[in-house]
């Protein structure tokens, strides 16, 4: 059974959702392709990768640089160009990336056109300059190339943008592609049937030409026309399947980040990011956990994981797939806790644990000798990391619970509790269903949550004064929902936003404060002879409560801040 936590057991306990909240949204037909291992490459070529040693001194690739099948000697101009990631040539990493890039190319090519050539045609050229386009799949006809003449193409609004051409893609000097109202470079893709040519700005001192998105070209990709002091800024990737990538002058290539996106009433910018066991926006997955090769989806809540028996004296594997909102370079740590000895399933009660850390490497804590031959292996994926722990069970372990923990390098963590799912030595037994703790109350509307909190003698929390309806967070119907939680045991409340798949995208918690005790005395003279004006603390508490009551009244009348 799965339940995810963030920071404390209260948050662990409340993340239990009903299947009634799991809805499907097919608002957009186009789908961002899975780039696989190619996602970490800023530049990937087949025959050569060349940067001009005179004019390309400002070339910077933020990400990996790869070449396959050609060898490392066919990468030239680095230095003076620089690469922040790894350089791969004629090795498994580069070869696999080329295979994954081809898969993504075919996935783009197979998507149905939602907008065919909405731009003017001139002698077999489709010019996109001056247009403002929304999300969709834009296709030129089979004989027309795509071109951006000097000017601006605007991509407006959140969603996936796919541009397809059977021939060439060309930009002219001083071309810019502008992203507005939620459009992101991570969701822009250019599928080019032959070659792509991107032009640098006209001269030194001018602003960089900006081109967002991932270009996957069947043949070559070239930057042309620059002189000393000009910069072409590509916020994406340049992936050439069968030919060269060439920079004639300084070019920056920045692999785009894919943040976890949600909308709150205060701001459209996320307040925090967490590593995820179900992926991130546009890069979700359902294989967050594998036990001896058996795949389990740990991205949802209240899902049953069938119990897996690991035979004694035989190698076993546990694989954790971790999504990171800002990419695999932010990976830090993965950990598995086991053997709680019948105590509460919390990390401090685990007798056995294994971990791997970016700085500390593999660590094993197993004082009672349940495991031998423990090892760990990490595999980078486009937006995260896959960690495989291998070990041999050698001793019966009756406790079948397990905790998975993942951290990023900002020490933001996510835990998944897998109850009754792993057993060393015994035959499988049915997994015990998870029950919501009776001290946790869950509400789908603010009114009921308010009534429960105030009826229990607490002042209305400030947290409940900001968001009163799901539509304040998720403006588009069936894209997400909000739940309000009341922990009667620890006197806490939480407000949590979930996306369409039930993944938590934002949570806020607040400690409750008891309402003041009202006394009557000879020196009382305020609020109907109930409070002493000499008691400053009580006067301030009453003031806060009255202000919150006023906010609540306005909300119930339909007025929202």
Protein backbone atom coordinates (compact mmCIF):
# COMPACT_ATOMS: atom_id res chain seq x y z
CA UNK A 1 0.00 0.00 0.00
CA UNK A 2 1.33 3.40 -0.93
CA UNK A 3 1.30 6.71 0.85
CA UNK A 4 3.71 9.54 0.15
CA UNK A 5 4.98 11.97 2.80
CA UNK A 6 6.54 15.39 2.83
CA UNK A 7 8.44 16.39 5.98
CA UNK A 8 6.39 14.80 8.78
CA UNK A 9 4.07 11.98 9.65
CA UNK A 10 1.05 14.28 9.52
CA UNK A 11 1.66 14.90 5.85
CA UNK A 12 2.34 11.17 5.33
CA UNK A 13 -0.98 10.31 6.86
CA UNK A 14 -3.20 12.69 4.94
CA UNK A 15 -2.21 11.78 1.41
CA UNK A 16 -4.88 9.15 0.87
CA UNK A 17 -7.21 9.88 -2.02
CA UNK A 18 -10.41 8.40 -3.34
CA UNK A 19 -10.45 7.07 -6.89
CA UNK A 20 -13.33 9.44 -7.54
CA UNK A 21 -10.78 12.24 -7.87
CA UNK A 22 -8.91 10.48 -10.67
CA UNK A 23 -10.25 11.97 -13.90
CA UNK A 24 -8.90 12.07 -17.40
CA UNK A 25 -8.15 15.19 -19.38
CA UNK A 26 -7.72 15.04 -23.13
CA UNK A 27 -7.77 18.78 -23.74
CA UNK A 28 -4.81 18.62 -26.10
CA UNK A 29 -4.18 15.92 -28.66
CA UNK A 30 -0.46 16.62 -29.00
CA UNK A 31 1.92 14.89 -26.62
CA UNK A 32 5.51 15.76 -25.78
CA UNK A 33 7.73 12.85 -26.87
CA UNK A 34 9.79 10.88 -24.38
CA UNK A 35 13.37 11.90 -25.17
CA UNK A 36 14.82 9.16 -22.98
CA UNK A 37 18.55 9.52 -22.47
CA UNK A 38 18.74 12.11 -25.27
CA UNK A 39 17.04 14.55 -22.90
CA UNK A 40 20.29 15.34 -21.08
CA UNK A 41 22.13 16.25 -24.32
CA UNK A 42 22.27 19.87 -25.42
CA UNK A 43 24.03 18.85 -28.67
CA UNK A 44 24.03 15.42 -30.30
CA UNK A 45 25.53 14.75 -33.72
CA UNK A 46 26.22 11.75 -35.95
CA UNK A 47 29.22 12.56 -38.17
CA UNK A 48 30.87 15.65 -36.63
CA UNK A 49 30.32 18.39 -34.07
CA UNK A 50 32.28 21.53 -34.99
CA UNK A 51 32.67 24.88 -33.26
CA UNK A 52 34.67 27.65 -34.98
CA UNK A 53 37.84 28.21 -32.96
CA UNK A 54 37.97 31.94 -33.84
CA UNK A 55 34.36 33.11 -33.79
CA UNK A 56 33.04 30.44 -31.44
CA UNK A 57 34.87 31.48 -28.27
CA UNK A 58 31.55 32.23 -26.57
CA UNK A 59 29.94 28.89 -27.35
CA UNK A 60 28.57 27.21 -24.21
CA UNK A 61 26.61 23.96 -24.06
CA UNK A 62 24.71 23.64 -20.78
CA UNK A 63 24.09 19.92 -20.83
CA UNK A 64 25.82 16.93 -22.40
CA UNK A 65 27.62 16.85 -25.76
CA UNK A 66 27.44 13.66 -27.80
CA UNK A 67 28.55 12.13 -31.10
CA UNK A 68 27.66 8.72 -32.51
CA UNK A 69 28.81 6.73 -34.38
CA UNK A 70 31.84 8.96 -35.09
CA UNK A 71 34.74 9.04 -32.64
CA UNK A 72 35.87 11.78 -30.23
CA UNK A 73 38.40 13.16 -32.76
CA UNK A 74 35.45 14.40 -34.85
CA UNK A 75 34.40 16.80 -32.08
CA UNK A 76 36.41 20.01 -32.64
CA UNK A 77 36.36 23.54 -31.22
CA UNK A 78 35.91 22.52 -27.54
CA UNK A 79 37.85 24.44 -26.31
CA UNK A 80 37.45 27.34 -26.87
CA UNK A 81 33.80 26.29 -26.58
CA UNK A 82 32.78 24.88 -23.20
CA UNK A 83 30.53 22.02 -22.09
CA UNK A 84 29.02 21.96 -18.58
CA UNK A 85 27.93 18.32 -18.78
CA UNK A 86 29.63 15.15 -19.98
CA UNK A 87 31.09 14.56 -23.46
CA UNK A 88 30.30 11.20 -25.08
CA UNK A 89 31.60 9.97 -28.42
CA UNK A 90 31.29 6.51 -29.98
CA UNK A 91 30.23 5.05 -26.63
CA UNK A 92 27.10 3.40 -25.23
CA UNK A 93 25.72 6.66 -23.85
CA UNK A 94 25.93 8.46 -27.20
CA UNK A 95 24.61 5.49 -29.14
CA UNK A 96 21.65 5.05 -26.81
CA UNK A 97 20.92 8.76 -26.97
CA UNK A 98 20.82 8.59 -30.80
CA UNK A 99 18.41 5.66 -30.59
CA UNK A 100 16.19 7.54 -28.14
CA UNK A 101 16.32 10.68 -30.29
CA UNK A 102 15.18 8.66 -33.33
CA UNK A 103 12.31 7.24 -31.29
CA UNK A 104 11.28 10.77 -30.30
CA UNK A 105 11.60 11.92 -33.96
CA UNK A 106 9.24 9.16 -35.08
CA UNK A 107 6.84 9.96 -32.24
CA UNK A 108 6.68 13.57 -33.39
CA UNK A 109 6.25 12.56 -37.03
CA UNK A 110 3.35 10.26 -36.15
CA UNK A 111 1.22 12.88 -34.42
CA UNK A 112 -1.75 14.17 -36.37
CA UNK A 113 -1.58 17.73 -37.63
CA UNK A 114 -4.00 20.01 -35.81
CA UNK A 115 -2.97 23.08 -37.80
CA UNK A 116 -1.70 22.66 -41.35
CA UNK A 117 0.25 25.58 -42.77
CA UNK A 118 -1.64 28.52 -41.22
CA UNK A 119 1.05 30.89 -42.46
CA UNK A 120 1.53 32.44 -45.94
CA UNK A 121 3.15 30.42 -48.69
CA UNK A 122 5.68 32.00 -51.01
CA UNK A 123 7.45 29.88 -53.58
CA UNK A 124 7.26 26.73 -51.49
CA UNK A 125 8.22 28.44 -48.21
CA UNK A 126 6.01 28.71 -45.15
CA UNK A 127 6.98 31.89 -43.26
CA UNK A 128 5.95 31.95 -39.57
CA UNK A 129 7.26 35.44 -38.79
CA UNK A 130 4.71 37.77 -37.19
CA UNK A 131 2.33 35.01 -36.15
CA UNK A 132 0.99 34.31 -32.65
CA UNK A 133 0.25 30.61 -32.22
CA UNK A 134 -1.27 28.50 -29.46
CA UNK A 135 -0.41 24.88 -28.60
CA UNK A 136 -0.83 22.41 -31.43
CA UNK A 137 0.84 20.34 -34.14
CA UNK A 138 1.81 22.66 -37.03
CA UNK A 139 2.69 20.98 -40.32
CA UNK A 140 3.94 22.35 -43.61
CA UNK A 141 2.87 20.55 -46.74
CA UNK A 142 5.20 17.93 -48.18
CA UNK A 143 7.07 20.31 -50.49
CA UNK A 144 7.32 23.43 -48.31
CA UNK A 145 10.07 24.34 -45.92
CA UNK A 146 9.58 26.29 -42.70
CA UNK A 147 11.22 29.69 -42.39
CA UNK A 148 11.38 32.51 -39.87
CA UNK A 149 12.39 35.71 -41.63
CA UNK A 150 13.70 38.61 -39.55
CA UNK A 151 11.12 39.27 -36.86
CA UNK A 152 9.19 37.53 -34.10
CA UNK A 153 7.14 34.35 -33.81
CA UNK A 154 5.07 34.28 -30.60
CA UNK A 155 4.01 31.05 -28.90
CA UNK A 156 1.20 31.88 -26.51
CA UNK A 157 -0.15 29.77 -23.66
CA UNK A 158 0.72 26.58 -21.76
CA UNK A 159 0.83 23.29 -23.66
CA UNK A 160 2.84 21.37 -26.23
CA UNK A 161 3.97 22.96 -29.52
CA UNK A 162 5.10 20.67 -32.35
CA UNK A 163 6.35 21.97 -35.71
CA UNK A 164 6.81 19.44 -38.52
CA UNK A 165 8.38 19.79 -41.94
CA UNK A 166 9.40 17.15 -44.46
CA UNK A 167 12.14 19.43 -45.78
CA UNK A 168 14.15 22.23 -44.09
CA UNK A 169 13.86 24.66 -41.20
CA UNK A 170 15.57 28.02 -41.66
CA UNK A 171 15.79 31.21 -39.58
CA UNK A 172 17.01 34.53 -40.97
CA UNK A 173 19.20 37.10 -39.19
CA UNK A 174 17.64 38.72 -36.08
CA UNK A 175 14.85 36.17 -35.75
CA UNK A 176 13.34 35.60 -32.29
CA UNK A 177 10.79 33.14 -30.96
CA UNK A 178 8.99 34.58 -27.93
CA UNK A 179 7.20 32.49 -25.27
CA UNK A 180 4.27 34.10 -23.45
CA UNK A 181 1.52 33.24 -20.94
CA UNK A 182 2.93 29.91 -19.78
CA UNK A 183 4.54 28.58 -22.96
CA UNK A 184 7.86 26.88 -22.08
CA UNK A 185 10.89 25.84 -24.10
CA UNK A 186 10.64 22.35 -22.61
CA UNK A 187 7.37 21.84 -24.50
CA UNK A 188 8.45 23.11 -27.94
CA UNK A 189 9.63 20.57 -30.55
CA UNK A 190 10.81 20.91 -34.17
CA UNK A 191 10.78 17.75 -36.30
CA UNK A 192 12.83 18.48 -39.43
CA UNK A 193 12.81 16.10 -42.39
CA UNK A 194 16.21 17.19 -43.75
CA UNK A 195 18.37 19.97 -42.25
CA UNK A 196 17.96 22.97 -39.94
CA UNK A 197 19.86 26.27 -40.29
CA UNK A 198 19.72 28.93 -37.55
CA UNK A 199 21.08 32.43 -38.19
CA UNK A 200 22.99 34.55 -35.69
CA UNK A 201 22.22 38.27 -35.06
CA UNK A 202 23.30 40.81 -37.64
CA UNK A 203 26.21 42.34 -35.75
CA UNK A 204 28.05 42.85 -32.47
CA UNK A 205 26.25 44.75 -29.75
CA UNK A 206 22.83 43.54 -30.83
CA UNK A 207 20.69 41.38 -28.56
CA UNK A 208 21.09 37.60 -28.91
CA UNK A 209 18.70 35.85 -31.24
CA UNK A 210 16.61 33.48 -29.13
CA UNK A 211 15.33 30.15 -30.39
CA UNK A 212 13.47 27.86 -27.95
CA UNK A 213 12.74 24.16 -28.23
CA UNK A 214 14.25 20.83 -29.18
CA UNK A 215 15.23 20.41 -32.84
CA UNK A 216 15.46 16.80 -34.03
CA UNK A 217 16.69 16.85 -37.63
CA UNK A 218 17.11 13.85 -39.89
CA UNK A 219 20.26 15.43 -41.32
CA UNK A 220 22.40 18.39 -40.19
CA UNK A 221 21.88 21.35 -37.86
CA UNK A 222 23.96 24.50 -38.45
CA UNK A 223 24.40 27.96 -36.93
CA UNK A 224 25.50 30.47 -39.57
CA UNK A 225 26.18 34.11 -40.28
CA UNK A 226 27.65 35.27 -36.98
CA UNK A 227 30.65 37.48 -36.42
CA UNK A 228 32.72 38.31 -33.35
CA UNK A 229 30.45 39.46 -30.53
CA UNK A 230 27.18 37.93 -31.74
CA UNK A 231 25.33 35.19 -29.88
CA UNK A 232 22.59 32.79 -30.91
CA UNK A 233 20.79 31.50 -27.78
CA UNK A 234 19.11 28.13 -28.15
CA UNK A 235 16.97 27.27 -25.13
CA UNK A 236 16.56 23.64 -26.01
CA UNK A 237 18.48 20.87 -27.75
CA UNK A 238 20.09 20.33 -31.15
CA UNK A 239 19.84 16.64 -32.07
CA UNK A 240 21.09 15.63 -35.55
CA UNK A 241 20.32 12.00 -36.35
CA UNK A 242 22.47 11.32 -39.43
CA UNK A 243 24.83 14.25 -40.02
CA UNK A 244 26.74 17.13 -38.40
CA UNK A 245 26.11 19.89 -35.90
CA UNK A 246 28.09 23.03 -36.78
CA UNK A 247 28.58 26.38 -35.01
CA UNK A 248 30.07 29.11 -37.22
CA UNK A 249 30.11 31.59 -34.32
CA UNK A 250 29.26 31.82 -30.64
CA UNK A 251 26.14 29.85 -29.70
CA UNK A 252 24.70 29.01 -26.29
CA UNK A 253 22.63 25.85 -25.92
CA UNK A 254 20.72 25.43 -22.65
CA UNK A 255 18.85 22.19 -22.00
CA UNK A 256 15.47 23.45 -20.75
CA UNK A 257 14.26 22.68 -17.25
CA UNK A 258 10.87 21.11 -16.74
CA UNK A 259 9.34 22.56 -13.56
CA UNK A 260 6.38 21.06 -11.81
CA UNK A 261 3.56 23.40 -12.80
CA UNK A 262 0.50 24.41 -10.82
CA UNK A 263 -1.55 27.55 -10.27
CA UNK A 264 -2.28 29.02 -6.85
CA UNK A 265 -4.31 32.08 -6.01
CA UNK A 266 -1.26 33.96 -4.75
CA UNK A 267 1.07 33.24 -7.69
CA UNK A 268 1.41 30.97 -10.73
CA UNK A 269 4.97 30.12 -9.62
CA UNK A 270 5.43 26.94 -7.53
CA UNK A 271 6.41 27.61 -3.94
CA UNK A 272 8.50 24.44 -3.71
CA UNK A 273 9.73 21.51 -5.77
CA UNK A 274 10.00 17.92 -4.62
CA UNK A 275 11.50 14.84 -6.21
CA UNK A 276 8.72 12.57 -7.44
CA UNK A 277 8.12 8.84 -7.79
CA UNK A 278 5.67 9.48 -10.64
CA UNK A 279 7.47 12.00 -12.84
CA UNK A 280 6.89 15.68 -13.50
CA UNK A 281 4.68 17.72 -15.84
CA UNK A 282 5.00 16.31 -19.35
CA UNK A 283 7.37 13.54 -18.21
CA UNK A 284 5.25 11.28 -16.02
CA UNK A 285 5.81 7.55 -15.54
CA UNK A 286 4.14 4.60 -13.83
CA UNK A 287 7.18 2.43 -13.02
CA UNK A 288 8.52 4.23 -9.96
CA UNK A 289 9.27 0.94 -8.20
CA UNK A 290 10.49 -2.45 -9.40
CA UNK A 291 11.03 -5.44 -7.11
CA UNK A 292 12.90 -8.24 -8.89
CA UNK A 293 11.72 -6.79 -12.20
CA UNK A 294 8.04 -6.60 -11.21
CA UNK A 295 6.78 -3.08 -11.96
CA UNK A 296 4.63 -1.10 -9.52
CA UNK A 297 3.08 2.35 -9.85
CA UNK A 298 3.87 4.32 -6.69
CA UNK A 299 2.74 7.67 -8.07
CA UNK A 300 -0.83 7.22 -6.86
CA UNK A 301 -2.23 6.94 -3.37
CA UNK A 302 -4.11 3.99 -1.88
CA UNK A 303 -2.89 1.55 -4.52
CA UNK A 304 -2.16 -2.07 -3.60
CA UNK A 305 1.31 -3.45 -4.27
CA UNK A 306 1.15 -7.28 -4.34
CA UNK A 307 3.56 -8.83 -1.87
CA UNK A 308 6.84 -10.04 -3.32
CA UNK A 309 8.78 -12.89 -1.69
CA UNK A 310 12.54 -12.69 -2.16
CA UNK A 311 14.09 -16.14 -1.91
CA UNK A 312 16.98 -16.61 0.46
CA UNK A 313 20.50 -16.98 -0.99
CA UNK A 314 19.45 -15.63 -4.40
CA UNK A 315 20.27 -12.14 -5.76
CA UNK A 316 17.38 -9.66 -5.60
CA UNK A 317 16.89 -6.12 -6.92
CA UNK A 318 14.89 -3.06 -5.89
CA UNK A 319 14.79 -0.29 -8.49
CA UNK A 320 13.58 3.24 -7.71
CA UNK A 321 12.76 5.68 -10.52
CA UNK A 322 12.97 9.25 -9.31
CA UNK A 323 11.68 12.26 -11.29
CA UNK A 324 13.29 15.64 -10.62
CA UNK A 325 11.56 18.85 -11.61
CA UNK A 326 14.85 20.50 -12.58
CA UNK A 327 16.54 17.51 -14.15
CA UNK A 328 18.98 14.75 -13.25
CA UNK A 329 21.89 17.06 -12.21
CA UNK A 330 19.81 17.87 -9.09
CA UNK A 331 19.81 14.22 -7.92
CA UNK A 332 21.31 13.61 -4.49
CA UNK A 333 20.14 10.48 -2.66
CA UNK A 334 18.01 7.31 -2.72
CA UNK A 335 17.30 5.00 0.21
CA UNK A 336 15.36 1.86 1.19
CA UNK A 337 14.30 1.14 4.79
CA UNK A 338 13.25 -2.40 5.87
CA UNK A 339 12.63 -4.57 8.96
CA UNK A 340 10.70 -2.44 11.47
CA UNK A 341 10.28 -5.30 13.94
CA UNK A 342 6.55 -4.86 14.35
CA UNK A 343 6.92 -1.21 15.39
CA UNK A 344 5.41 1.79 13.60
CA UNK A 345 6.60 2.05 10.01
CA UNK A 346 8.79 5.12 10.40
CA UNK A 347 12.41 5.49 9.35
CA UNK A 348 13.71 5.66 12.92
CA UNK A 349 12.39 2.14 13.61
CA UNK A 350 14.08 0.50 10.60
CA UNK A 351 16.66 -2.10 11.58
CA UNK A 352 17.95 -2.47 8.03
CA UNK A 353 18.56 0.21 5.43
CA UNK A 354 20.65 0.75 2.31
CA UNK A 355 21.35 4.06 0.59
CA UNK A 356 23.36 5.66 -2.16
CA UNK A 357 24.36 9.33 -2.09
CA UNK A 358 26.04 11.59 -4.63
CA UNK A 359 28.77 12.48 -2.14
CA UNK A 360 28.88 9.52 0.27
CA UNK A 361 28.31 6.64 -2.14
CA UNK A 362 26.83 3.33 -0.95
CA UNK A 363 26.00 2.86 2.74
CA UNK A 364 24.51 -0.23 4.43
CA UNK A 365 23.07 -0.56 7.92
CA UNK A 366 22.29 -4.23 8.66
CA UNK A 367 23.43 -5.14 12.20
CA UNK A 368 21.47 -8.41 12.25
CA UNK A 369 22.85 -9.72 8.98
CA UNK A 370 19.76 -10.05 6.75
CA UNK A 371 21.59 -9.04 3.54
CA UNK A 372 24.91 -9.71 1.80
CA UNK A 373 26.54 -8.62 -1.48
CA UNK A 374 24.86 -5.20 -1.45
CA UNK A 375 25.57 -2.86 -4.37
CA UNK A 376 23.95 0.13 -6.03
CA UNK A 377 23.88 1.47 -9.57
CA UNK A 378 22.55 4.79 -10.88
CA UNK A 379 21.30 5.43 -14.42
CA UNK A 380 20.54 8.99 -15.50
CA UNK A 381 17.24 9.57 -17.28
CA UNK A 382 16.01 12.73 -18.97
CA UNK A 383 14.28 14.21 -15.93
CA UNK A 384 15.65 12.23 -13.03
CA UNK A 385 17.50 9.13 -11.94
CA UNK A 386 16.95 5.38 -11.78
CA UNK A 387 18.66 3.71 -8.80
CA UNK A 388 18.97 -0.10 -8.58
CA UNK A 389 19.94 -1.76 -5.30
CA UNK A 390 21.16 -5.36 -5.66
CA UNK A 391 21.56 -7.67 -2.65
CA UNK A 392 21.26 -11.30 -1.54
CA UNK A 393 18.81 -12.07 1.31
CA UNK A 394 20.35 -14.64 3.68
CA UNK A 395 18.04 -14.52 6.69
CA UNK A 396 14.27 -14.68 7.26
CA UNK A 397 12.70 -11.23 7.76
CA UNK A 398 9.13 -11.39 9.01
CA UNK A 399 8.41 -7.67 8.70
CA UNK A 400 7.16 -7.02 5.16
CA UNK A 401 6.97 -3.21 5.19
CA UNK A 402 9.33 -0.92 3.30
CA UNK A 403 9.96 2.82 2.97
CA UNK A 404 11.46 4.37 -0.16
CA UNK A 405 13.09 7.78 0.28
CA UNK A 406 14.48 10.08 -2.43
CA UNK A 407 16.21 13.45 -2.01
CA UNK A 408 17.36 16.16 -4.37
CA UNK A 409 20.45 18.28 -3.76
CA UNK A 410 18.38 20.90 -1.94
CA UNK A 411 17.47 18.22 0.64
CA UNK A 412 13.84 18.19 -0.47
CA UNK A 413 12.56 14.67 0.05
CA UNK A 414 9.70 12.38 -0.87
CA UNK A 415 8.89 9.10 0.87
CA UNK A 416 6.69 6.23 -0.29
CA UNK A 417 5.45 3.68 2.25
CA UNK A 418 5.02 0.21 0.74
CA UNK A 419 3.21 -1.86 3.34
CA UNK A 420 3.24 -5.65 3.16
CA UNK A 421 4.99 -5.67 -0.20
CA UNK A 422 8.37 -7.32 0.39
CA UNK A 423 9.21 -10.44 2.37
CA UNK A 424 12.52 -12.25 2.74
CA UNK A 425 12.11 -16.01 2.58
CA UNK A 426 8.35 -16.62 2.96
CA UNK A 427 5.75 -17.28 0.30
CA UNK A 428 3.58 -14.28 -0.67
CA UNK A 429 0.59 -13.42 1.51
CA UNK A 430 -2.13 -10.89 0.71
CA UNK A 431 -1.18 -7.30 1.35
CA UNK A 432 -2.97 -5.66 4.26
CA UNK A 433 -5.22 -2.80 3.07
CA UNK A 434 -4.29 0.67 4.22
CA UNK A 435 -6.77 2.42 6.53
CA UNK A 436 -6.92 6.16 6.95
CA UNK A 437 -6.01 7.12 10.55
CA UNK A 438 -9.18 7.99 12.47
CA UNK A 439 -7.66 11.24 13.73
CA UNK A 440 -7.33 12.61 10.20
CA UNK A 441 -10.40 14.35 8.78
CA UNK A 442 -10.48 15.05 5.02
CA UNK A 443 -12.77 17.65 3.43
CA UNK A 444 -13.49 18.51 -0.18
CA UNK A 445 -14.79 22.00 0.66
CA UNK A 446 -13.70 24.82 2.94
CA UNK A 447 -17.03 25.25 4.73
CA UNK A 448 -17.00 21.78 6.28
CA UNK A 449 -13.30 22.09 7.17
CA UNK A 450 -13.95 25.45 8.86
CA UNK A 451 -16.85 24.10 10.86
CA UNK A 452 -14.84 21.10 12.07
CA UNK A 453 -11.87 23.23 13.17
CA UNK A 454 -13.94 25.89 14.93
CA UNK A 455 -16.24 23.31 16.55
CA UNK A 456 -13.12 21.73 18.07
CA UNK A 457 -12.34 25.04 19.79
CA UNK A 458 -9.62 26.40 17.52
CA UNK A 459 -9.25 29.81 15.91
CA UNK A 460 -9.79 29.66 12.16
CA UNK A 461 -6.31 29.12 10.61
CA UNK A 462 -4.89 31.78 8.33
CA UNK A 463 -4.22 29.02 5.77
CA UNK A 464 -7.98 28.56 5.28
CA UNK A 465 -8.49 32.25 4.51
CA UNK A 466 -6.69 32.13 1.13
CA UNK A 467 -8.30 29.34 -0.90
CA UNK A 468 -11.96 28.41 -0.56
CA UNK A 469 -12.68 26.56 -3.84
CA UNK A 470 -10.81 24.24 -6.19
CA UNK A 471 -11.42 26.65 -9.09
CA UNK A 472 -9.19 29.24 -7.44
CA UNK A 473 -6.25 26.88 -7.96
CA UNK A 474 -7.34 24.91 -11.02
CA UNK A 475 -9.14 27.37 -13.29
CA UNK A 476 -9.68 24.77 -16.03
CA UNK A 477 -12.22 22.08 -14.99
CA UNK A 478 -10.96 18.52 -14.47
CA UNK A 479 -7.29 19.47 -14.32
CA UNK A 480 -6.80 19.08 -10.57
CA UNK A 481 -8.42 19.45 -7.17
CA UNK A 482 -7.87 20.72 -3.64
CA UNK A 483 -8.41 18.95 -0.31
CA UNK A 484 -8.49 20.37 3.22
CA UNK A 485 -7.15 18.23 6.12
CA UNK A 486 -7.64 18.44 9.89
CA UNK A 487 -5.31 16.43 12.14
CA UNK A 488 -7.22 16.26 15.43
CA UNK A 489 -4.35 14.40 17.13
CA UNK A 490 -1.58 16.93 16.54
CA UNK A 491 -3.82 20.02 16.13
CA UNK A 492 -2.70 20.79 12.58
CA UNK A 493 -4.40 21.60 9.30
CA UNK A 494 -3.15 21.29 5.74
CA UNK A 495 -4.28 22.47 2.32
CA UNK A 496 -3.00 20.29 -0.52
CA UNK A 497 -3.27 20.69 -4.30
CA UNK A 498 -3.32 17.60 -6.54
CA UNK A 499 -2.95 17.37 -10.30
CA UNK A 500 -5.21 15.37 -12.59
CA UNK A 501 -3.35 12.13 -11.79
CA UNK A 502 -3.59 12.56 -8.02
CA UNK A 503 0.03 13.62 -7.60
CA UNK A 504 0.59 16.25 -4.93
CA UNK A 505 1.96 19.44 -6.47
CA UNK A 506 1.81 21.78 -3.48
CA UNK A 507 1.10 21.50 0.23
CA UNK A 508 0.91 23.95 3.10
CA UNK A 509 0.41 23.11 6.77
CA UNK A 510 -0.34 25.23 9.84
CA UNK A 511 -0.39 24.57 13.59
CA UNK A 512 -3.77 25.39 15.13
CA UNK A 513 -4.27 27.84 18.01
CA UNK A 514 -6.88 27.30 20.69
CA UNK A 515 -9.58 29.97 20.88
CA UNK A 516 -9.22 32.22 23.96
CA UNK A 517 -11.17 31.35 27.08
CA UNK A 518 -13.78 34.03 27.74
CA UNK A 519 -14.06 35.14 31.36
CA UNK A 520 -16.39 37.57 33.15
CA UNK A 521 -15.06 39.89 35.85
CA UNK A 522 -15.64 43.23 37.49
CA UNK A 523 -12.98 44.90 35.34
CA UNK A 524 -14.25 43.61 32.02
CA UNK A 525 -15.81 46.09 29.67
CA UNK A 526 -15.32 44.91 26.05
CA UNK A 527 -17.36 42.67 23.76
CA UNK A 528 -20.42 42.46 25.93
CA UNK A 529 -18.57 42.64 29.28
CA UNK A 530 -16.51 39.50 28.50
CA UNK A 531 -12.89 40.68 28.09
CA UNK A 532 -10.58 42.90 30.10
CA UNK A 533 -9.10 45.79 28.19
CA UNK A 534 -6.06 45.42 30.44
CA UNK A 535 -5.28 41.96 28.99
CA UNK A 536 -3.37 42.87 25.82
CA UNK A 537 -2.85 39.23 24.69
CA UNK A 538 -6.54 38.38 24.88
CA UNK A 539 -7.48 41.62 23.12
CA UNK A 540 -5.07 40.81 20.24
CA UNK A 541 -6.37 37.24 19.97
CA UNK A 542 -9.95 38.48 19.77
CA UNK A 543 -8.94 41.01 17.12
CA UNK A 544 -7.34 38.28 14.97
CA UNK A 545 -10.37 36.03 15.36
CA UNK A 546 -12.80 38.81 14.45
CA UNK A 547 -10.78 39.65 11.34
CA UNK A 548 -10.75 35.98 10.27
CA UNK A 549 -14.49 35.70 10.96
CA UNK A 550 -15.03 38.70 8.73
CA UNK A 551 -13.01 37.05 5.94
CA UNK A 552 -15.01 33.83 6.36
CA UNK A 553 -18.31 35.73 6.18
CA UNK A 554 -17.21 37.45 2.97
CA UNK A 555 -16.21 34.09 1.46
CA UNK A 556 -19.56 32.54 2.29
CA UNK A 557 -21.26 35.49 0.61
CA UNK A 558 -19.26 34.73 -2.54
CA UNK A 559 -16.55 37.35 -2.24
CA UNK A 560 -13.02 35.90 -2.58
CA UNK A 561 -9.65 37.59 -2.25
